[in-house]
Amino acid sequence: MTDAADGPGGAAPDTAPEVPVALRRAVDRWLRHVEVERGLSRNTIQAYRRDLARYTAHLAAEGVADPADATSAHVAGFAQRVRDPEQGGLTASSLARMLSSVRSFHRFLVEEGIVEVDVSAEQKPPKLPSRLPKAVSVETMGRILDATDGDEPLRVRDKALLELLYATGARVSEITALTVDDVLGPDGAAAEIVRVVGKGGKQRIVPVGSFARRAVDAYLVRVRPILAARGSATPALFLGLRGHALSRQNAWLVIKAAAERAGVTEEISPHIFRHSFATHLIAGGADVRVVQELLGHSSVATTQIYTRVTVDTLRDVYTTAHPRARRA
């Protein structure tokens, strides 16, 4: 999914009709979403942009002016076209990425309430070898979290934000959507359990550890009132400098800055926090079905990939450390 090149036939034809504004805006909105949620490289975002440019050119040629007017037949027609060798068929990896981009785009439109039906649901990209989710070590995660230590107001806020991300395994969009009431217990302090609203409006219950609760308490008492006084009243838990709800983009910048201060050279994104949360839980002995519930996965098969991460790690350690497992 990270191929930067489209391969043969990757560009839309020169004679393609102009893409209507509503389609272009929907694509831009999706690209901003995936850039923040996944922390993708510029090359990958540009590859996605080219994928969707070709797809929306196809829709425009079919007379579709608005995302709500697209049908499953339009998606199927596009898939058949990009598979056709006579039309400059793509390589398997580029085809998989392109169709995955289209499906992700349509799922996003449903999740955001822009359309009611995912018209791409029946379209399956070709099977490729699965890639393991990226996760950082417990030690690296600790360094990133420690990089937000300090008494400055924004450091206190950032500490609460990152501790809560790692403690819950929530998506950054779910964390920035939290309100103050969502995290408060009956005693007025940070609750041990929060209710998170995930994709499709599905709610799930997630415990919050002591480190995150202390960080959230410090932020609520010492910093949020200061930030809230600078803007209009908002129930949002995390606020920016002007007192408005913290955006997903700014949350991503907080993560990036903390990783840089910690001297972490690995690629860090909000989704890395989510992957690390799951990987560390399973490595610590958590049942995969419990992790499934915490992540909000509809299928345990999605969660089971994290067991492969920990098994691969164990195999590497064993091969390196055991005197009769080392290769000659």
Protein backbone atom coordinates (compact mmCIF):
# COMPACT_ATOMS: atom_id res chain seq x y z
CA MET A 1 0.00 0.00 0.00
CA THR A 2 2.98 2.29 0.06
CA ASP A 3 4.03 2.11 -3.59
CA ALA A 4 4.81 5.62 -4.77
CA ALA A 5 4.56 4.75 -8.46
CA ASP A 6 1.42 3.77 -10.27
CA GLY A 7 3.07 1.47 -12.76
CA PRO A 8 1.88 1.23 -16.36
CA GLY A 9 -1.31 3.13 -16.97
CA GLY A 10 -1.12 4.86 -13.57
CA ALA A 11 -2.02 8.33 -14.83
CA ALA A 12 -5.45 9.39 -15.94
CA PRO A 13 -5.78 9.94 -19.69
CA ASP A 14 -5.24 13.45 -21.03
CA THR A 15 -8.77 13.47 -22.43
CA ALA A 16 -10.35 12.84 -19.03
CA PRO A 17 -13.17 15.29 -18.18
CA GLU A 18 -12.70 17.85 -15.45
CA VAL A 19 -13.52 16.38 -12.06
CA PRO A 20 -16.48 18.12 -10.35
CA VAL A 21 -15.77 20.23 -7.27
CA ALA A 22 -17.75 18.00 -4.89
CA LEU A 23 -15.64 14.97 -5.81
CA ARG A 24 -12.37 16.90 -5.49
CA ARG A 25 -13.35 18.23 -2.06
CA ALA A 26 -14.29 14.77 -0.83
CA VAL A 27 -10.93 13.39 -1.97
CA ASP A 28 -9.03 16.24 -0.28
CA ARG A 29 -10.94 15.61 2.93
CA TRP A 30 -10.07 11.89 2.84
CA LEU A 31 -6.41 12.57 2.11
CA ARG A 32 -6.17 14.92 5.11
CA HIS A 33 -7.77 12.21 7.23
CA VAL A 34 -5.37 9.41 6.24
CA GLU A 35 -2.36 11.70 6.50
CA VAL A 36 -3.17 12.49 10.12
CA GLU A 37 -4.50 9.08 11.22
CA ARG A 38 -1.70 7.02 9.70
CA GLY A 39 1.18 9.50 9.55
CA LEU A 40 1.91 8.46 5.97
CA SER A 41 4.85 9.74 3.95
CA ARG A 42 4.43 12.44 1.32
CA ASN A 43 5.14 9.89 -1.42
CA THR A 44 2.37 7.61 -0.19
CA ILE A 45 -0.12 10.48 0.05
CA GLN A 46 0.77 11.52 -3.49
CA ALA A 47 0.26 7.93 -4.67
CA TYR A 48 -3.17 7.92 -3.04
CA ARG A 49 -3.93 11.27 -4.66
CA ARG A 50 -3.08 9.85 -8.10
CA ASP A 51 -5.23 6.79 -7.40
CA LEU A 52 -8.23 8.90 -6.51
CA ALA A 53 -7.59 11.31 -9.39
CA ARG A 54 -7.89 8.40 -11.79
CA TYR A 55 -10.97 7.08 -10.00
CA THR A 56 -12.78 10.43 -9.88
CA ALA A 57 -11.92 11.02 -13.55
CA HIS A 58 -13.68 7.72 -14.25
CA LEU A 59 -16.69 8.86 -12.20
CA ALA A 60 -16.78 12.20 -14.01
CA ALA A 61 -16.70 10.41 -17.37
CA GLU A 62 -19.71 8.41 -16.17
CA GLY A 63 -21.58 11.61 -15.34
CA VAL A 64 -21.11 11.42 -11.56
CA ALA A 65 -20.82 14.90 -10.05
CA ASP A 66 -21.22 14.13 -6.34
CA PRO A 67 -19.96 11.26 -4.13
CA ALA A 68 -23.55 10.43 -3.23
CA ASP A 69 -24.28 9.67 -6.90
CA ALA A 70 -21.63 6.93 -7.19
CA THR A 71 -22.92 3.36 -7.35
CA SER A 72 -21.45 -0.11 -6.99
CA ALA A 73 -21.63 -0.38 -10.79
CA HIS A 74 -19.33 2.63 -11.12
CA VAL A 75 -16.83 1.05 -8.73
CA ALA A 76 -17.01 -2.31 -10.51
CA GLY A 77 -16.53 -0.63 -13.89
CA PHE A 78 -13.45 1.17 -12.65
CA ALA A 79 -12.00 -2.01 -11.16
CA GLN A 80 -12.53 -3.87 -14.43
CA ARG A 81 -10.88 -1.07 -16.36
CA VAL A 82 -7.72 -0.88 -14.25
CA ARG A 83 -7.41 -4.68 -14.32
CA ASP A 84 -7.61 -4.80 -18.11
CA PRO A 85 -4.13 -5.30 -19.67
CA GLU A 86 -5.33 -3.59 -22.86
CA GLN A 87 -6.12 -0.50 -20.79
CA GLY A 88 -2.61 -0.41 -19.34
CA GLY A 89 -3.32 -2.81 -16.48
CA LEU A 90 -1.46 -2.16 -13.25
CA THR A 91 1.01 -4.36 -11.42
CA ALA A 92 -0.51 -6.47 -8.64
CA SER A 93 0.79 -4.20 -5.87
CA SER A 94 -0.33 -0.99 -7.60
CA LEU A 95 -3.72 -2.51 -8.40
CA ALA A 96 -4.14 -3.61 -4.78
CA ARG A 97 -3.24 -0.15 -3.54
CA MET A 98 -5.53 1.60 -6.01
CA LEU A 99 -8.58 -0.52 -5.19
CA SER A 100 -7.78 -0.31 -1.49
CA SER A 101 -7.64 3.48 -1.84
CA VAL A 102 -11.07 3.50 -3.49
CA ARG A 103 -12.55 1.27 -0.78
CA SER A 104 -10.99 3.32 2.01
CA PHE A 105 -12.33 6.50 0.40
CA HIS A 106 -15.88 5.16 0.26
CA ARG A 107 -15.74 3.80 3.83
CA PHE A 108 -14.61 7.24 4.98
CA LEU A 109 -17.56 8.88 3.21
CA VAL A 110 -19.94 6.62 5.14
CA GLU A 111 -18.18 7.16 8.48
CA GLU A 112 -18.29 10.93 8.01
CA GLY A 113 -22.00 10.86 7.13
CA ILE A 114 -21.39 12.19 3.61
CA VAL A 115 -23.12 9.18 2.06
CA GLU A 116 -25.28 6.44 3.54
CA VAL A 117 -24.03 3.33 1.70
CA ASP A 118 -20.53 1.99 1.02
CA VAL A 119 -20.83 1.24 -2.69
CA SER A 120 -17.33 -0.28 -2.77
CA ALA A 121 -17.98 -2.95 -0.13
CA GLU A 122 -18.22 -5.82 -2.61
CA GLN A 123 -15.04 -4.88 -4.48
CA LYS A 124 -12.09 -7.00 -3.31
CA PRO A 125 -8.48 -6.04 -4.11
CA PRO A 126 -6.08 -8.82 -5.12
CA LYS A 127 -4.50 -10.75 -2.27
CA LEU A 128 -0.94 -9.76 -1.41
CA PRO A 129 1.37 -11.03 1.34
CA SER A 130 0.14 -9.35 4.54
CA ARG A 131 2.34 -6.71 6.11
CA LEU A 132 2.73 -6.69 9.84
CA PRO A 133 1.65 -3.51 11.63
CA LYS A 134 4.50 -1.36 12.82
CA ALA A 135 4.96 -0.99 16.57
CA VAL A 136 7.72 0.50 18.68
CA SER A 137 9.28 -1.17 21.69
CA VAL A 138 8.09 -0.51 25.23
CA GLU A 139 11.36 1.33 25.87
CA THR A 140 10.90 3.58 22.81
CA MET A 141 7.32 4.34 23.76
CA GLY A 142 8.50 5.26 27.25
CA ARG A 143 11.04 7.69 25.80
CA ILE A 144 8.37 9.39 23.69
CA LEU A 145 6.03 9.75 26.67
CA ASP A 146 8.86 11.02 28.89
CA ALA A 147 9.66 13.67 26.27
CA THR A 148 6.41 15.43 27.22
CA ASP A 149 7.47 15.85 30.87
CA GLY A 150 7.54 19.43 32.14
CA ASP A 151 5.51 22.13 33.85
CA GLU A 152 4.84 24.29 30.80
CA PRO A 153 1.08 24.32 30.02
CA LEU A 154 1.39 22.76 26.59
CA ARG A 155 3.74 20.07 27.88
CA VAL A 156 1.14 19.15 30.52
CA ARG A 157 -1.56 18.98 27.83
CA ASP A 158 0.65 16.98 25.48
CA LYS A 159 1.52 14.56 28.28
CA ALA A 160 -2.18 13.90 28.89
CA LEU A 161 -2.85 13.49 25.17
CA LEU A 162 -0.07 10.98 24.51
CA GLU A 163 -0.58 9.03 27.73
CA LEU A 164 -4.27 8.66 26.89
CA LEU A 165 -3.51 7.59 23.32
CA TYR A 166 -1.18 4.84 24.51
CA ALA A 167 -3.34 3.84 27.49
CA THR A 168 -6.48 3.31 25.39
CA GLY A 169 -5.19 2.34 21.94
CA ALA A 170 -7.78 4.74 20.54
CA ARG A 171 -7.54 6.36 17.14
CA VAL A 172 -6.43 9.99 17.22
CA SER A 173 -9.84 11.03 15.86
CA GLU A 174 -11.48 9.24 18.80
CA ILE A 175 -9.22 10.94 21.35
CA THR A 176 -9.71 14.44 19.92
CA ALA A 177 -13.48 13.83 19.92
CA LEU A 178 -13.55 13.17 23.68
CA THR A 179 -15.29 15.68 25.93
CA VAL A 180 -14.45 16.52 29.53
CA ASP A 181 -17.50 14.58 30.71
CA ASP A 182 -16.26 11.50 28.84
CA VAL A 183 -13.20 11.18 31.09
CA LEU A 184 -14.52 12.29 34.49
CA GLY A 185 -15.55 9.84 37.18
CA PRO A 186 -18.21 10.42 39.87
CA ASP A 187 -15.58 11.98 42.15
CA GLY A 188 -14.62 14.61 39.58
CA ALA A 189 -11.25 13.01 38.86
CA ALA A 190 -10.20 11.14 35.73
CA ALA A 191 -12.22 7.94 35.43
CA GLU A 192 -10.72 4.46 35.32
CA ILE A 193 -12.91 3.68 32.30
CA VAL A 194 -13.81 5.87 29.32
CA ARG A 195 -16.43 5.38 26.64
CA VAL A 196 -14.95 5.82 23.17
CA VAL A 197 -17.03 6.37 20.04
CA GLY A 198 -15.37 4.61 17.11
CA LYS A 199 -16.04 4.06 13.43
CA GLY A 200 -19.67 4.03 12.44
CA GLY A 201 -20.67 5.51 15.80
CA LYS A 202 -19.92 2.23 17.61
CA GLN A 203 -19.19 2.71 21.31
CA ARG A 204 -16.72 0.71 23.34
CA ILE A 205 -15.48 0.77 26.93
CA VAL A 206 -11.73 1.15 27.47
CA PRO A 207 -9.89 1.11 30.83
CA VAL A 208 -7.43 3.92 31.57
CA GLY A 209 -4.23 3.22 33.50
CA SER A 210 -2.87 5.21 36.44
CA PHE A 211 -0.21 7.06 34.42
CA ALA A 212 -2.78 8.39 31.97
CA ARG A 213 -5.25 9.27 34.74
CA ARG A 214 -2.64 11.31 36.60
CA ALA A 215 -1.68 13.11 33.40
CA VAL A 216 -5.31 13.89 32.55
CA ASP A 217 -5.99 15.12 36.09
CA ALA A 218 -2.99 17.46 35.94
CA TYR A 219 -4.15 18.82 32.60
CA LEU A 220 -7.76 19.34 33.74
CA VAL A 221 -6.75 21.14 36.94
CA ARG A 222 -3.75 23.18 35.82
CA VAL A 223 -4.01 23.82 32.09
CA ARG A 224 -7.41 23.32 30.48
CA PRO A 225 -9.06 26.21 32.38
CA ILE A 226 -6.34 28.55 31.04
CA LEU A 227 -6.83 27.40 27.46
CA ALA A 228 -10.64 27.39 27.75
CA ALA A 229 -10.62 31.04 28.85
CA ARG A 230 -9.08 32.00 25.50
CA GLY A 231 -11.93 30.69 23.35
CA SER A 232 -15.64 30.10 23.22
CA ALA A 233 -17.10 27.45 25.48
CA THR A 234 -16.49 23.96 24.13
CA PRO A 235 -16.91 20.61 25.87
CA ALA A 236 -13.85 19.19 24.05
CA LEU A 237 -11.29 17.62 26.37
CA PHE A 238 -8.18 18.71 24.50
CA LEU A 239 -7.86 22.34 23.50
CA GLY A 240 -5.45 24.30 21.34
CA LEU A 241 -3.72 27.58 22.16
CA ARG A 242 -6.79 29.63 21.19
CA GLY A 243 -9.19 27.61 23.28
CA HIS A 244 -10.74 25.64 20.44
CA ALA A 245 -10.91 21.86 20.20
CA LEU A 246 -7.55 20.38 19.27
CA SER A 247 -7.59 19.11 15.69
CA ARG A 248 -6.36 15.73 14.53
CA GLN A 249 -3.65 17.50 12.55
CA ASN A 250 -2.35 19.32 15.62
CA ALA A 251 -2.46 16.12 17.65
CA TRP A 252 -0.27 14.50 15.01
CA LEU A 253 2.19 17.42 15.29
CA VAL A 254 2.33 16.89 19.06
CA ILE A 255 3.28 13.25 18.52
CA LYS A 256 5.89 14.15 15.92
CA ALA A 257 7.47 16.79 18.17
CA ALA A 258 7.62 14.42 21.15
CA ALA A 259 9.30 11.72 19.05
CA GLU A 260 11.88 14.22 17.79
CA ARG A 261 12.66 15.41 21.33
CA ALA A 262 13.06 11.78 22.38
CA GLY A 263 15.56 11.21 19.58
CA VAL A 264 13.40 8.53 18.00
CA THR A 265 14.33 8.05 14.35
CA GLU A 266 11.60 5.51 13.57
CA GLU A 267 8.49 6.75 11.79
CA ILE A 268 5.95 7.69 14.48
CA SER A 269 2.27 8.37 13.88
CA PRO A 270 -0.97 8.17 15.87
CA HIS A 271 -1.53 4.69 14.44
CA ILE A 272 1.88 3.58 15.72
CA PHE A 273 0.53 4.30 19.23
CA ARG A 274 -2.47 2.09 18.47
CA HIS A 275 -0.35 -0.71 17.02
CA SER A 276 2.07 -0.52 19.96
CA PHE A 277 -0.81 -0.63 22.45
CA ALA A 278 -2.09 -3.88 20.93
CA THR A 279 1.34 -5.47 20.45
CA HIS A 280 2.45 -4.71 24.01
CA LEU A 281 -0.80 -6.07 25.47
CA ILE A 282 -0.52 -9.36 23.59
CA ALA A 283 3.19 -9.65 24.40
CA GLY A 284 2.19 -9.21 28.05
CA GLY A 285 -0.24 -12.12 27.88
CA ALA A 286 -3.55 -10.43 27.06
CA ASP A 287 -6.15 -12.58 25.33
CA VAL A 288 -6.56 -11.61 21.67
CA ARG A 289 -10.36 -11.31 22.06
CA VAL A 290 -9.93 -8.81 24.88
CA VAL A 291 -7.60 -6.77 22.68
CA GLN A 292 -10.18 -7.03 19.90
CA GLU A 293 -12.78 -5.42 22.18
CA LEU A 294 -10.37 -2.70 23.31
CA LEU A 295 -9.49 -1.79 19.73
CA GLY A 296 -13.08 -1.95 18.53
CA HIS A 297 -12.34 -4.47 15.77
CA SER A 298 -15.46 -6.12 14.38
CA SER A 299 -13.53 -9.31 13.57
CA VAL A 300 -10.94 -11.10 15.69
CA ALA A 301 -9.04 -11.89 12.47
CA THR A 302 -8.06 -8.22 12.27
CA THR A 303 -6.62 -8.37 15.77
CA GLN A 304 -4.82 -11.69 15.34
CA ILE A 305 -2.17 -10.10 13.14
CA TYR A 306 -0.69 -8.64 16.34
CA THR A 307 -0.01 -12.15 17.59
CA ARG A 308 2.21 -12.62 14.56
CA VAL A 309 4.20 -9.53 15.53
CA THR A 310 4.94 -10.92 18.99
CA VAL A 311 5.69 -14.43 17.69
CA ASP A 312 8.14 -13.01 15.17
CA THR A 313 9.81 -11.00 17.93
CA LEU A 314 10.11 -14.10 20.12
CA ARG A 315 11.58 -16.06 17.23
CA ASP A 316 14.18 -13.34 16.56
CA VAL A 317 15.19 -13.17 20.22
CA TYR A 318 15.42 -16.96 20.45
CA THR A 319 17.51 -17.25 17.29
CA THR A 320 19.88 -14.56 18.51
CA ALA A 321 20.18 -15.65 22.14
CA HIS A 322 19.97 -19.44 22.27
CA PRO A 323 23.41 -21.04 21.83
CA ARG A 324 22.07 -23.87 19.70
CA ALA A 325 19.65 -21.77 17.67
CA ARG A 326 22.22 -19.48 16.06
CA ARG A 327 22.86 -20.10 12.43
CA ALA A 328 26.27 -21.43 11.45
